[in-house]
PDB file of N, CA and C in Angstrom:
ATOM      1  N   MET A   1     -86.116 -78.056  51.544  1.00  0.00           N
ATOM      2  CA  MET A   1     -86.454 -76.870  50.315  1.00  0.00           C
ATOM      3  C   MET A   1     -87.849 -76.488  50.237  1.00  0.00           C
ATOM      4  N   ILE A   2     -87.793 -75.343  50.000  1.00  0.00           N
ATOM      5  CA  ILE A   2     -89.344 -74.712  49.644  1.00  0.00           C
ATOM      6  C   ILE A   2     -89.252 -74.400  48.283  1.00  0.00           C
ATOM      7  N   THR A   3     -90.436 -74.541  47.571  1.00  0.00           N
ATOM      8  CA  THR A   3     -90.773 -74.320  46.006  1.00  0.00           C
ATOM      9  C   THR A   3     -91.711 -73.419  46.248  1.00  0.00           C
ATOM     10  N   ALA A   4     -91.464 -72.301  45.528  1.00  0.00           N
ATOM     11  CA  ALA A   4     -92.600 -71.502  44.993  1.00  0.00           C
ATOM     12  C   ALA A   4     -92.901 -71.337  43.398  1.00  0.00           C
ATOM     13  N   ILE A   5     -94.369 -71.380  43.298  1.00  0.00           N
ATOM     14  CA  ILE A   5     -94.406 -71.199  41.826  1.00  0.00           C
ATOM     15  C   ILE A   5     -94.809 -69.956  41.561  1.00  0.00           C
ATOM     16  N   VAL A   6     -94.080 -69.074  40.747  1.00  0.00           N
ATOM     17  CA  VAL A   6     -94.447 -67.680  40.844  1.00  0.00           C
ATOM     18  C   VAL A   6     -94.783 -67.428  39.221  1.00  0.00           C
ATOM     19  N   LEU A   7     -96.183 -66.777  39.172  1.00  0.00           N
ATOM     20  CA  LEU A   7     -96.960 -66.372  38.068  1.00  0.00           C
ATOM     21  C   LEU A   7     -96.720 -64.849  37.565  1.00  0.00           C
ATOM     22  N   ILE A   8     -96.133 -64.762  36.777  1.00  0.00           N
ATOM     23  CA  ILE A   8     -95.688 -63.399  36.401  1.00  0.00           C
ATOM     24  C   ILE A   8     -96.259 -62.503  35.216  1.00  0.00           C
ATOM     25  N   LYS A   9     -96.670 -61.497  35.534  1.00  0.00           N
ATOM     26  CA  LYS A   9     -97.361 -60.339  34.330  1.00  0.00           C
ATOM     27  C   LYS A   9     -96.174 -59.681  33.880  1.00  0.00           C
ATOM     28  N   THR A  10     -95.829 -59.665  32.705  1.00  0.00           N
ATOM     29  CA  THR A  10     -94.847 -58.676  32.210  1.00  0.00           C
ATOM     30  C   THR A  10     -95.119 -57.923  31.006  1.00  0.00           C
ATOM     31  N   SER A  11     -94.355 -56.960  30.482  1.00  0.00           N
ATOM     32  CA  SER A  11     -94.524 -56.324  29.471  1.00  0.00           C
ATOM     33  C   SER A  11     -94.560 -57.302  28.507  1.00  0.00           C
ATOM     34  N   VAL A  12     -95.282 -57.379  27.675  1.00  0.00           N
ATOM     35  CA  VAL A  12     -95.738 -58.308  26.141  1.00  0.00           C
ATOM     36  C   VAL A  12     -94.173 -58.263  25.340  1.00  0.00           C
ATOM     37  N   ASP A  13     -93.943 -57.217  25.234  1.00  0.00           N
ATOM     38  CA  ASP A  13     -92.654 -57.045  24.081  1.00  0.00           C
ATOM     39  C   ASP A  13     -91.336 -57.091  24.689  1.00  0.00           C
ATOM     40  N   ARG A  14     -91.443 -57.325  26.149  1.00  0.00           N
ATOM     41  CA  ARG A  14     -90.098 -57.733  26.813  1.00  0.00           C
ATOM     42  C   ARG A  14     -90.048 -59.184  27.342  1.00  0.00           C
ATOM     43  N   ILE A  15     -90.828 -59.914  27.013  1.00  0.00           N
ATOM     44  CA  ILE A  15     -90.783 -61.321  27.563  1.00  0.00           C
ATOM     45  C   ILE A  15     -89.350 -61.998  27.606  1.00  0.00           C
ATOM     46  N   PRO A  16     -88.605 -62.032  26.428  1.00  0.00           N
ATOM     47  CA  PRO A  16     -87.549 -62.756  26.580  1.00  0.00           C
ATOM     48  C   PRO A  16     -86.457 -62.312  27.423  1.00  0.00           C
ATOM     49  N   GLU A  17     -86.293 -60.728  27.194  1.00  0.00           N
ATOM     50  CA  GLU A  17     -85.475 -60.518  28.465  1.00  0.00           C
ATOM     51  C   GLU A  17     -85.691 -60.583  29.696  1.00  0.00           C
ATOM     52  N   ILE A  18     -86.867 -60.440  30.022  1.00  0.00           N
ATOM     53  CA  ILE A  18     -87.519 -60.237  31.392  1.00  0.00           C
ATOM     54  C   ILE A  18     -87.147 -61.876  31.660  1.00  0.00           C
ATOM     55  N   ALA A  19     -87.739 -63.022  31.033  1.00  0.00           N
ATOM     56  CA  ALA A  19     -87.267 -64.304  31.376  1.00  0.00           C
ATOM     57  C   ALA A  19     -86.023 -64.570  31.695  1.00  0.00           C
ATOM     58  N   GLU A  20     -85.068 -64.218  30.785  1.00  0.00           N
ATOM     59  CA  GLU A  20     -83.548 -64.304  30.855  1.00  0.00           C
ATOM     60  C   GLU A  20     -82.917 -63.707  32.138  1.00  0.00           C
ATOM     61  N   SER A  21     -83.604 -62.625  32.796  1.00  0.00           N
ATOM     62  CA  SER A  21     -83.173 -61.974  33.791  1.00  0.00           C
ATOM     63  C   SER A  21     -83.638 -62.746  35.038  1.00  0.00           C
ATOM     64  N   ILE A  22     -85.063 -63.150  35.126  1.00  0.00           N
ATOM     65  CA  ILE A  22     -85.431 -64.238  35.969  1.00  0.00           C
ATOM     66  C   ILE A  22     -84.526 -65.302  36.341  1.00  0.00           C
ATOM     67  N   ALA A  23     -84.468 -66.054  35.172  1.00  0.00           N
ATOM     68  CA  ALA A  23     -83.854 -66.976  34.983  1.00  0.00           C
ATOM     69  C   ALA A  23     -82.397 -67.281  35.620  1.00  0.00           C
ATOM     70  N   ALA A  24     -81.714 -65.926  35.686  1.00  0.00           N
ATOM     71  CA  ALA A  24     -80.303 -65.714  35.946  1.00  0.00           C
ATOM     72  C   ALA A  24     -80.167 -65.559  37.355  1.00  0.00           C
ATOM     73  N   LEU A  25     -81.207 -65.689  38.084  1.00  0.00           N
ATOM     74  CA  LEU A  25     -81.267 -65.303  39.671  1.00  0.00           C
ATOM     75  C   LEU A  25     -80.874 -66.922  40.245  1.00  0.00           C
ATOM     76  N   ASP A  26     -80.080 -66.938  41.352  1.00  0.00           N
ATOM     77  CA  ASP A  26     -79.678 -68.109  41.753  1.00  0.00           C
ATOM     78  C   ASP A  26     -80.765 -69.133  42.168  1.00  0.00           C
ATOM     79  N   CYS A  27     -81.870 -68.576  42.975  1.00  0.00           N
ATOM     80  CA  CYS A  27     -83.016 -69.607  43.536  1.00  0.00           C
ATOM     81  C   CYS A  27     -83.766 -69.931  42.515  1.00  0.00           C
ATOM     82  N   VAL A  28     -83.788 -69.294  41.237  1.00  0.00           N
ATOM     83  CA  VAL A  28     -84.793 -69.699  40.163  1.00  0.00           C
ATOM     84  C   VAL A  28     -84.089 -71.059  39.708  1.00  0.00           C
ATOM     85  N   SER A  29     -84.943 -72.011  39.236  1.00  0.00           N
ATOM     86  CA  SER A  29     -84.623 -73.186  38.488  1.00  0.00           C
ATOM     87  C   SER A  29     -85.164 -73.215  37.329  1.00  0.00           C
ATOM     88  N   GLU A  30     -86.150 -73.020  37.193  1.00  0.00           N
ATOM     89  CA  GLU A  30     -86.731 -72.934  35.562  1.00  0.00           C
ATOM     90  C   GLU A  30     -87.806 -71.462  35.443  1.00  0.00           C
ATOM     91  N   VAL A  31     -87.736 -71.064  34.220  1.00  0.00           N
ATOM     92  CA  VAL A  31     -88.608 -69.998  33.819  1.00  0.00           C
ATOM     93  C   VAL A  31     -89.308 -70.338  32.542  1.00  0.00           C
ATOM     94  N   PHE A  32     -90.444 -70.434  32.390  1.00  0.00           N
ATOM     95  CA  PHE A  32     -91.519 -70.944  31.335  1.00  0.00           C
ATOM     96  C   PHE A  32     -92.460 -69.768  31.008  1.00  0.00           C
ATOM     97  N   SER A  33     -92.450 -69.670  29.280  1.00  0.00           N
ATOM     98  CA  SER A  33     -93.408 -68.282  28.954  1.00  0.00           C
ATOM     99  C   SER A  33     -94.266 -69.406  28.642  1.00  0.00           C
ATOM    100  N   VAL A  34     -95.831 -68.726  28.956  1.00  0.00           N
ATOM    101  CA  VAL A  34     -96.685 -69.550  28.953  1.00  0.00           C
ATOM    102  C   VAL A  34     -98.280 -68.641  28.141  1.00  0.00           C
ATOM    103  N   THR A  35     -99.038 -69.464  27.816  1.00  0.00           N
ATOM    104  CA  THR A  35    -100.388 -68.752  27.094  1.00  0.00           C
ATOM    105  C   THR A  35    -101.411 -68.318  28.620  1.00  0.00           C
ATOM    106  N   GLY A  36    -102.217 -67.718  28.562  1.00  0.00           N
ATOM    107  CA  GLY A  36    -103.216 -67.490  29.148  1.00  0.00           C
ATOM    108  C   GLY A  36    -102.973 -65.900  30.056  1.00  0.00           C
ATOM    109  N   THR A  37    -103.503 -65.598  31.197  1.00  0.00           N
ATOM    110  CA  THR A  37    -103.445 -64.429  31.980  1.00  0.00           C
ATOM    111  C   THR A  37    -102.283 -64.106  32.406  1.00  0.00           C
ATOM    112  N   TYR A  38    -101.297 -64.828  32.623  1.00  0.00           N
ATOM    113  CA  TYR A  38    -100.010 -64.611  32.988  1.00  0.00           C
ATOM    114  C   TYR A  38     -98.760 -64.853  31.785  1.00  0.00           C
ATOM    115  N   ASP A  39     -97.582 -64.138  31.829  1.00  0.00           N
ATOM    116  CA  ASP A  39     -96.762 -64.375  30.695  1.00  0.00           C
ATOM    117  C   ASP A  39     -95.723 -65.365  31.023  1.00  0.00           C
ATOM    118  N   LEU A  40     -95.212 -65.364  32.343  1.00  0.00           N
ATOM    119  CA  LEU A  40     -94.151 -65.941  32.521  1.00  0.00           C
ATOM    120  C   LEU A  40     -94.545 -67.150  33.875  1.00  0.00           C
ATOM    121  N   ILE A  41     -94.006 -68.209  33.980  1.00  0.00           N
ATOM    122  CA  ILE A  41     -93.839 -68.958  35.202  1.00  0.00           C
ATOM    123  C   ILE A  41     -92.693 -69.096  35.755  1.00  0.00           C
ATOM    124  N   ALA A  42     -92.443 -68.808  36.922  1.00  0.00           N
ATOM    125  CA  ALA A  42     -90.961 -69.140  37.658  1.00  0.00           C
ATOM    126  C   ALA A  42     -90.918 -70.195  38.646  1.00  0.00           C
ATOM    127  N   MET A  43     -89.945 -71.204  38.581  1.00  0.00           N
ATOM    128  CA  MET A  43     -90.006 -72.091  39.927  1.00  0.00           C
ATOM    129  C   MET A  43     -88.825 -71.633  40.686  1.00  0.00           C
ATOM    130  N   VAL A  44     -89.418 -71.414  41.929  1.00  0.00           N
ATOM    131  CA  VAL A  44     -88.283 -70.579  42.827  1.00  0.00           C
ATOM    132  C   VAL A  44     -88.071 -71.786  44.072  1.00  0.00           C
ATOM    133  N   ARG A  45     -86.770 -71.705  44.313  1.00  0.00           N
ATOM    134  CA  ARG A  45     -86.317 -72.734  45.568  1.00  0.00           C
ATOM    135  C   ARG A  45     -85.641 -72.301  46.239  1.00  0.00           C
ATOM    136  N   VAL A  46     -85.909 -72.579  47.556  1.00  0.00           N
ATOM    137  CA  VAL A  46     -85.230 -71.528  48.797  1.00  0.00           C
ATOM    138  C   VAL A  46     -85.030 -72.534  49.822  1.00  0.00           C
ATOM    139  N   THR A  47     -84.165 -72.414  50.853  1.00  0.00           N
ATOM    140  CA  THR A  47     -84.069 -73.124  51.903  1.00  0.00           C
ATOM    141  C   THR A  47     -85.025 -72.820  53.388  1.00  0.00           C
ATOM    142  N   ARG A  48     -85.361 -71.328  53.327  1.00  0.00           N
ATOM    143  CA  ARG A  48     -86.028 -70.940  54.234  1.00  0.00           C
ATOM    144  C   ARG A  48     -87.181 -69.760  53.683  1.00  0.00           C
ATOM    145  N   HIS A  49     -88.616 -69.918  54.483  1.00  0.00           N
ATOM    146  CA  HIS A  49     -89.603 -68.954  53.988  1.00  0.00           C
ATOM    147  C   HIS A  49     -89.015 -67.600  53.792  1.00  0.00           C
ATOM    148  N   ASP A  50     -88.274 -67.151  54.560  1.00  0.00           N
ATOM    149  CA  ASP A  50     -87.868 -65.879  54.631  1.00  0.00           C
ATOM    150  C   ASP A  50     -87.152 -65.473  53.437  1.00  0.00           C
ATOM    151  N   ASP A  51     -86.484 -66.631  52.884  1.00  0.00           N
ATOM    152  CA  ASP A  51     -85.897 -66.292  51.391  1.00  0.00           C
ATOM    153  C   ASP A  51     -86.587 -65.822  50.562  1.00  0.00           C
ATOM    154  N   LEU A  52     -87.980 -66.222  50.281  1.00  0.00           N
ATOM    155  CA  LEU A  52     -89.055 -65.931  49.481  1.00  0.00           C
ATOM    156  C   LEU A  52     -89.356 -64.470  49.506  1.00  0.00           C
ATOM    157  N   ALA A  53     -89.464 -63.847  50.176  1.00  0.00           N
ATOM    158  CA  ALA A  53     -89.517 -62.080  50.556  1.00  0.00           C
ATOM    159  C   ALA A  53     -88.059 -61.557  49.542  1.00  0.00           C
ATOM    160  N   ASP A  54     -86.961 -62.390  49.986  1.00  0.00           N
ATOM    161  CA  ASP A  54     -85.735 -61.601  49.007  1.00  0.00           C
ATOM    162  C   ASP A  54     -85.777 -61.746  47.861  1.00  0.00           C
ATOM    163  N   VAL A  55     -86.492 -62.814  47.363  1.00  0.00           N
ATOM    164  CA  VAL A  55     -86.406 -63.302  45.728  1.00  0.00           C
ATOM    165  C   VAL A  55     -87.599 -62.505  45.279  1.00  0.00           C
ATOM    166  N   ILE A  56     -88.809 -62.701  45.849  1.00  0.00           N
ATOM    167  CA  ILE A  56     -89.800 -62.303  44.785  1.00  0.00           C
ATOM    168  C   ILE A  56     -90.009 -61.023  44.915  1.00  0.00           C
ATOM    169  N   PRO A  57     -90.649 -60.260  45.975  1.00  0.00           N
ATOM    170  CA  PRO A  57     -90.477 -58.834  45.837  1.00  0.00           C
ATOM    171  C   PRO A  57     -89.165 -58.189  45.660  1.00  0.00           C
ATOM    172  N   GLY A  58     -88.251 -58.792  46.389  1.00  0.00           N
ATOM    173  CA  GLY A  58     -87.079 -58.359  46.609  1.00  0.00           C
ATOM    174  C   GLY A  58     -86.115 -57.972  45.207  1.00  0.00           C
ATOM    175  N   LYS A  59     -86.262 -59.133  44.407  1.00  0.00           N
ATOM    176  CA  LYS A  59     -85.635 -59.367  43.258  1.00  0.00           C
ATOM    177  C   LYS A  59     -86.516 -59.284  41.939  1.00  0.00           C
ATOM    178  N   ILE A  60     -87.310 -60.352  41.756  1.00  0.00           N
ATOM    179  CA  ILE A  60     -88.521 -60.769  40.519  1.00  0.00           C
ATOM    180  C   ILE A  60     -89.079 -59.434  40.340  1.00  0.00           C
ATOM    181  N   SER A  61     -89.869 -59.025  41.133  1.00  0.00           N
ATOM    182  CA  SER A  61     -90.647 -57.905  41.122  1.00  0.00           C
ATOM    183  C   SER A  61     -89.933 -56.597  40.861  1.00  0.00           C
ATOM    184  N   LYS A  62     -88.697 -56.285  40.790  1.00  0.00           N
ATOM    185  CA  LYS A  62     -87.713 -54.965  40.615  1.00  0.00           C
ATOM    186  C   LYS A  62     -87.132 -55.060  39.158  1.00  0.00           C
ATOM    187  N   ILE A  63     -87.404 -56.314  38.540  1.00  0.00           N
ATOM    188  CA  ILE A  63     -87.004 -56.427  37.119  1.00  0.00           C
ATOM    189  C   ILE A  63     -87.814 -55.515  36.196  1.00  0.00           C
ATOM    190  N   PRO A  64     -87.000 -54.681  35.455  1.00  0.00           N
ATOM    191  CA  PRO A  64     -87.837 -53.791  34.722  1.00  0.00           C
ATOM    192  C   PRO A  64     -88.726 -54.407  33.763  1.00  0.00           C
ATOM    193  N   GLY A  65     -89.960 -54.273  33.713  1.00  0.00           N
ATOM    194  CA  GLY A  65     -90.841 -54.911  32.812  1.00  0.00           C
ATOM    195  C   GLY A  65     -91.823 -56.090  33.672  1.00  0.00           C
ATOM    196  N   VAL A  66     -91.230 -56.448  34.842  1.00  0.00           N
ATOM    197  CA  VAL A  66     -92.377 -56.942  35.667  1.00  0.00           C
ATOM    198  C   VAL A  66     -93.548 -56.305  36.073  1.00  0.00           C
ATOM    199  N   GLN A  67     -94.712 -56.478  35.575  1.00  0.00           N
ATOM    200  CA  GLN A  67     -95.713 -55.738  36.291  1.00  0.00           C
ATOM    201  C   GLN A  67     -96.436 -56.451  37.341  1.00  0.00           C
ATOM    202  N   GLY A  68     -96.200 -57.609  37.691  1.00  0.00           N
ATOM    203  CA  GLY A  68     -97.039 -58.162  38.820  1.00  0.00           C
ATOM    204  C   GLY A  68     -96.597 -59.900  38.794  1.00  0.00           C
ATOM    205  N   THR A  69     -96.886 -60.098  40.255  1.00  0.00           N
ATOM    206  CA  THR A  69     -96.792 -61.628  40.463  1.00  0.00           C
ATOM    207  C   THR A  69     -97.898 -62.318  41.216  1.00  0.00           C
ATOM    208  N   ASP A  70     -97.922 -63.257  41.021  1.00  0.00           N
ATOM    209  CA  ASP A  70     -98.937 -64.122  42.165  1.00  0.00           C
ATOM    210  C   ASP A  70     -98.240 -65.367  42.523  1.00  0.00           C
ATOM    211  N   THR A  71     -97.928 -65.732  43.803  1.00  0.00           N
ATOM    212  CA  THR A  71     -96.990 -66.712  44.008  1.00  0.00           C
ATOM    213  C   THR A  71     -97.961 -67.888  44.899  1.00  0.00           C
ATOM    214  N   HIS A  72     -97.432 -69.071  44.438  1.00  0.00           N
ATOM    215  CA  HIS A  72     -98.132 -70.235  45.222  1.00  0.00           C
ATOM    216  C   HIS A  72     -96.988 -71.096  45.884  1.00  0.00           C
ATOM    217  N   VAL A  73     -96.956 -71.363  47.007  1.00  0.00           N
ATOM    218  CA  VAL A  73     -96.067 -72.170  47.617  1.00  0.00           C
ATOM    219  C   VAL A  73     -96.682 -73.763  47.873  1.00  0.00           C
ATOM    220  N   ALA A  74     -95.743 -74.439  47.191  1.00  0.00           N
ATOM    221  CA  ALA A  74     -95.814 -75.796  47.193  1.00  0.00           C
ATOM    222  C   ALA A  74     -96.111 -76.391  48.451  1.00  0.00           C
ATOM    223  N   PHE A  75     -96.730 -77.192  49.017  1.00  0.00           N
ATOM    224  CA  PHE A  75     -96.853 -78.087  50.189  1.00  0.00           C
ATOM    225  C   PHE A  75     -95.740 -79.399  50.070  1.00  0.00           C
ATOM    226  N   ARG A  76     -95.883 -80.070  48.905  1.00  0.00           N
ATOM    227  CA  ARG A  76     -95.393 -81.215  48.786  1.00  0.00           C
ATOM    228  C   ARG A  76     -95.280 -81.623  47.115  1.00  0.00           C
ATOM    229  N   THR A  77     -94.061 -82.465  47.039  1.00  0.00           N
ATOM    230  CA  THR A  77     -93.803 -82.965  45.498  1.00  0.00           C
ATOM    231  C   THR A  77     -93.994 -84.245  45.686  1.00  0.00           C
ATOM    232  N   TYR A  78     -95.054 -84.709  44.581  1.00  0.00           N
ATOM    233  CA  TYR A  78     -95.490 -86.068  44.831  1.00  0.00           C
ATOM    234  C   TYR A  78     -94.323 -86.903  43.780  1.00  0.00           C
ATOM    235  N   SER A  79     -93.972 -86.407  42.562  1.00  0.00           N
ATOM    236  CA  SER A  79     -93.186 -87.083  41.559  1.00  0.00           C
ATOM    237  C   SER A  79     -92.382 -85.937  40.413  1.00  0.00           C
ATOM    238  N   GLN A  80     -90.984 -85.824  40.760  1.00  0.00           N
ATOM    239  CA  GLN A  80     -90.329 -85.178  39.954  1.00  0.00           C
ATOM    240  C   GLN A  80     -90.274 -85.382  38.741  1.00  0.00           C
ATOM    241  N   HIS A  81     -90.211 -86.981  38.190  1.00  0.00           N
ATOM    242  CA  HIS A  81     -90.621 -87.323  36.770  1.00  0.00           C
ATOM    243  C   HIS A  81     -91.779 -86.777  36.364  1.00  0.00           C
ATOM    244  N   ASP A  82     -92.730 -86.970  37.107  1.00  0.00           N
ATOM    245  CA  ASP A  82     -93.961 -86.336  36.616  1.00  0.00           C
ATOM    246  C   ASP A  82     -94.311 -85.186  36.263  1.00  0.00           C
ATOM    247  N   LEU A  83     -93.584 -84.399  37.043  1.00  0.00           N
ATOM    248  CA  LEU A  83     -93.387 -82.612  36.766  1.00  0.00           C
ATOM    249  C   LEU A  83     -92.778 -82.398  35.866  1.00  0.00           C
ATOM    250  N   GLU A  84     -91.771 -83.081  35.412  1.00  0.00           N
ATOM    251  CA  GLU A  84     -90.765 -82.666  34.165  1.00  0.00           C
ATOM    252  C   GLU A  84     -91.448 -83.346  32.947  1.00  0.00           C
ATOM    253  N   ALA A  85     -92.192 -84.579  33.143  1.00  0.00           N
ATOM    254  CA  ALA A  85     -93.154 -84.832  31.655  1.00  0.00           C
ATOM    255  C   ALA A  85     -94.242 -84.117  31.459  1.00  0.00           C
ATOM    256  N   ALA A  86     -94.825 -83.366  32.461  1.00  0.00           N
ATOM    257  CA  ALA A  86     -95.830 -82.434  32.148  1.00  0.00           C
ATOM    258  C   ALA A  86     -95.364 -81.130  31.626  1.00  0.00           C
ATOM    259  N   PHE A  87     -94.176 -80.557  31.840  1.00  0.00           N
ATOM    260  CA  PHE A  87     -93.722 -79.467  31.121  1.00  0.00           C
ATOM    261  C   PHE A  87     -93.026 -79.703  29.807  1.00  0.00           C
ATOM    262  N   ALA A  88     -92.589 -81.263  29.634  1.00  0.00           N
ATOM    263  CA  ALA A  88     -91.870 -81.249  28.254  1.00  0.00           C
ATOM    264  C   ALA A  88     -92.936 -81.986  27.368  1.00  0.00           C
ATOM    265  N   ILE A  89     -94.105 -81.838  27.358  1.00  0.00           N
ATOM    266  CA  ILE A  89     -95.333 -82.186  26.526  1.00  0.00           C
ATOM    267  C   ILE A  89     -95.211 -81.374  25.395  1.00  0.00           C
ATOM    268  N   GLY A  90     -94.952 -82.244  24.226  1.00  0.00           N
ATOM    269  CA  GLY A  90     -94.985 -81.553  23.053  1.00  0.00           C
ATOM    270  C   GLY A  90     -93.575 -81.169  22.272  1.00  0.00           C
ATOM    271  N   LEU A  91     -92.634 -81.531  23.092  1.00  0.00           N
ATOM    272  CA  LEU A  91     -91.099 -81.110  22.720  1.00  0.00           C
ATOM    273  C   LEU A  91     -90.469 -82.297  22.162  1.00  0.00           C
ATOM    274  N   ASP A  92     -91.000 -83.469  22.308  1.00  0.00           N
ATOM    275  CA  ASP A  92     -90.451 -84.665  21.427  1.00  0.00           C
ATOM    276  C   ASP A  92     -90.973 -84.548  20.145  1.00  0.00           C
ATOM    277  N   SER A  93     -90.559 -84.969  19.005  1.00  0.00           N
ATOM    278  CA  SER A  93     -91.055 -85.177  17.686  1.00  0.00           C
ATOM    279  C   SER A  93     -91.185 -86.416  17.396  1.00  0.00           C
TER     280      SER A  93
END
């Protein structure tokens, strides 16, 4: 499995709709709204490198309101548990 972390710049007034459209794609496992330079982060998981071209420029970049992407391909996953914990910070009361 190939994992790509896609940083996405969007039209700020359409973040929820854009996030939902991206999340609806089969190969997208999570979409996070974030602070900073980018508005969304999508976790894309595919079986072949060629599939990244179909998903990122072929689908994500074509969603109305997506202004640009910056893609990082993961080499190795060290711990799924640690990754989930890092993204869950602040959610427990």
